[in-house]
Amino acid sequence: MIANTPAAPYYAVIFTSVRTDGDDGYNSMSDEMVELAEQEDGFLGIESARNEIGITVSYWQNLDAIKKWKANTRHLLAQKFGREKWYEKYKVRICIIERDYEF
């Protein structure tokens, strides 16, 4: 699904990753992270796709909301597991959306 975001400006966190083999709890943690993020103040939506690389874009009202989400206790655990067992590598980019349009 394409996230239904508000009028710009708002922020995007782009998480690009290469996974390791196997699940080892990844899918259930991923689902839990989406559910938790949806409860955070300032969360606006999420889009995700995976082939050889995975790209997840989450949308946020402001930088403070992003910082709060990054510090969420359960999210910190997911980050730890990601580094230890789920990802070969990843990159996070944070940007401001100045304009959007749709068809």
Protein backbone atom coordinates (compact mmCIF):
# COMPACT_ATOMS: atom_id res chain seq x y z
CA MET A 1 0.00 0.00 0.00
CA ILE A 2 1.06 3.56 -0.61
CA ALA A 3 1.07 5.59 2.60
CA ASN A 4 -1.51 8.35 2.82
CA THR A 5 0.74 11.20 3.93
CA PRO A 6 -0.28 14.78 4.72
CA ALA A 7 0.71 17.87 2.77
CA ALA A 8 4.44 18.52 2.83
CA PRO A 9 6.64 19.24 4.64
CA TYR A 10 7.19 16.07 6.65
CA TYR A 11 10.07 13.62 7.12
CA ALA A 12 11.01 10.23 5.74
CA VAL A 13 13.31 7.59 7.20
CA ILE A 14 14.61 5.36 4.42
CA PHE A 15 15.93 2.00 5.66
CA THR A 16 17.74 0.01 2.97
CA SER A 17 18.99 -3.45 3.88
CA VAL A 18 20.48 -6.72 2.72
CA ARG A 19 19.18 -9.67 4.76
CA THR A 20 20.96 -12.73 6.02
CA ASP A 21 19.50 -16.16 5.21
CA GLY A 22 16.60 -17.48 7.29
CA ASP A 23 13.92 -15.89 9.41
CA ASP A 24 14.99 -16.52 13.02
CA GLY A 25 12.14 -14.35 14.34
CA TYR A 26 12.58 -11.56 11.79
CA ASN A 27 9.06 -11.57 10.34
CA SER A 28 7.31 -11.46 13.71
CA MET A 29 9.61 -8.67 14.95
CA SER A 30 9.06 -6.74 11.72
CA ASP A 31 5.28 -6.97 12.16
CA GLU A 32 5.61 -5.88 15.79
CA MET A 33 7.73 -2.86 14.80
CA VAL A 34 5.07 -1.67 12.36
CA GLU A 35 2.38 -2.03 15.02
CA LEU A 36 4.47 -0.13 17.57
CA ALA A 37 5.43 2.62 15.12
CA GLU A 38 1.76 3.15 14.27
CA GLN A 39 1.17 3.99 17.95
CA GLU A 40 3.93 6.63 18.10
CA ASP A 41 3.02 10.32 18.09
CA GLY A 42 4.12 11.81 14.80
CA PHE A 43 3.99 8.57 12.78
CA LEU A 44 2.41 9.17 9.37
CA GLY A 45 2.76 5.91 7.45
CA ILE A 46 5.06 3.25 6.04
CA GLU A 47 5.89 1.58 2.73
CA SER A 48 8.09 -1.46 2.26
CA ALA A 49 9.39 -3.71 -0.53
CA ARG A 50 11.96 -6.50 -0.66
CA ASN A 51 13.80 -8.31 -3.42
CA GLU A 52 17.60 -8.53 -3.43
CA ILE A 53 17.55 -5.51 -1.15
CA GLY A 54 14.82 -4.32 1.17
CA ILE A 55 13.63 -0.74 1.26
CA THR A 56 11.32 0.50 3.98
CA VAL A 57 10.28 4.13 4.13
CA SER A 58 8.54 5.41 7.22
CA TYR A 59 7.04 8.89 7.32
CA TRP A 60 7.10 11.17 10.34
CA GLN A 61 5.76 14.57 11.33
CA ASN A 62 9.10 15.89 12.63
CA LEU A 63 12.63 15.00 13.73
CA ASP A 64 11.63 14.71 17.39
CA ALA A 65 9.17 11.92 16.51
CA ILE A 66 11.94 10.09 14.64
CA LYS A 67 14.33 10.42 17.59
CA LYS A 68 11.68 9.14 19.99
CA TRP A 69 10.99 6.13 17.76
CA LYS A 70 14.71 5.32 17.45
CA ALA A 71 14.94 5.30 21.27
CA ASN A 72 11.86 3.08 21.80
CA THR A 73 12.98 0.20 24.05
CA ARG A 74 11.51 -2.56 21.90
CA HIS A 75 12.83 -0.89 18.73
CA LEU A 76 16.31 -0.78 20.31
CA LEU A 77 16.10 -4.56 20.79
CA ALA A 78 15.06 -5.02 17.16
CA GLN A 79 18.02 -2.86 16.08
CA LYS A 80 20.37 -5.05 18.16
CA PHE A 81 19.01 -8.27 16.64
CA GLY A 82 19.24 -6.70 13.19
CA ARG A 83 22.95 -6.02 13.61
CA GLU A 84 23.61 -9.42 15.20
CA LYS A 85 21.59 -11.80 13.01
CA TRP A 86 19.16 -10.37 10.43
CA TYR A 87 21.18 -8.01 8.22
CA GLU A 88 24.39 -8.39 6.26
CA LYS A 89 24.33 -4.62 5.96
CA TYR A 90 21.94 -1.69 6.10
CA LYS A 91 21.82 2.06 5.67
CA VAL A 92 19.47 4.64 7.17
CA ARG A 93 18.73 7.97 5.50
CA ILE A 94 16.59 10.72 7.01
CA CYS A 95 15.23 13.40 4.75
CA ILE A 96 12.60 16.09 4.60
CA ILE A 97 9.84 15.81 2.05
CA GLU A 98 9.34 19.25 0.58
CA ARG A 99 6.86 18.30 -2.11
CA ASP A 100 4.79 15.32 -3.15
CA TYR A 101 2.12 14.57 -5.68
CA GLU A 102 0.19 11.51 -6.77
CA PHE A 103 -1.83 9.88 -9.50
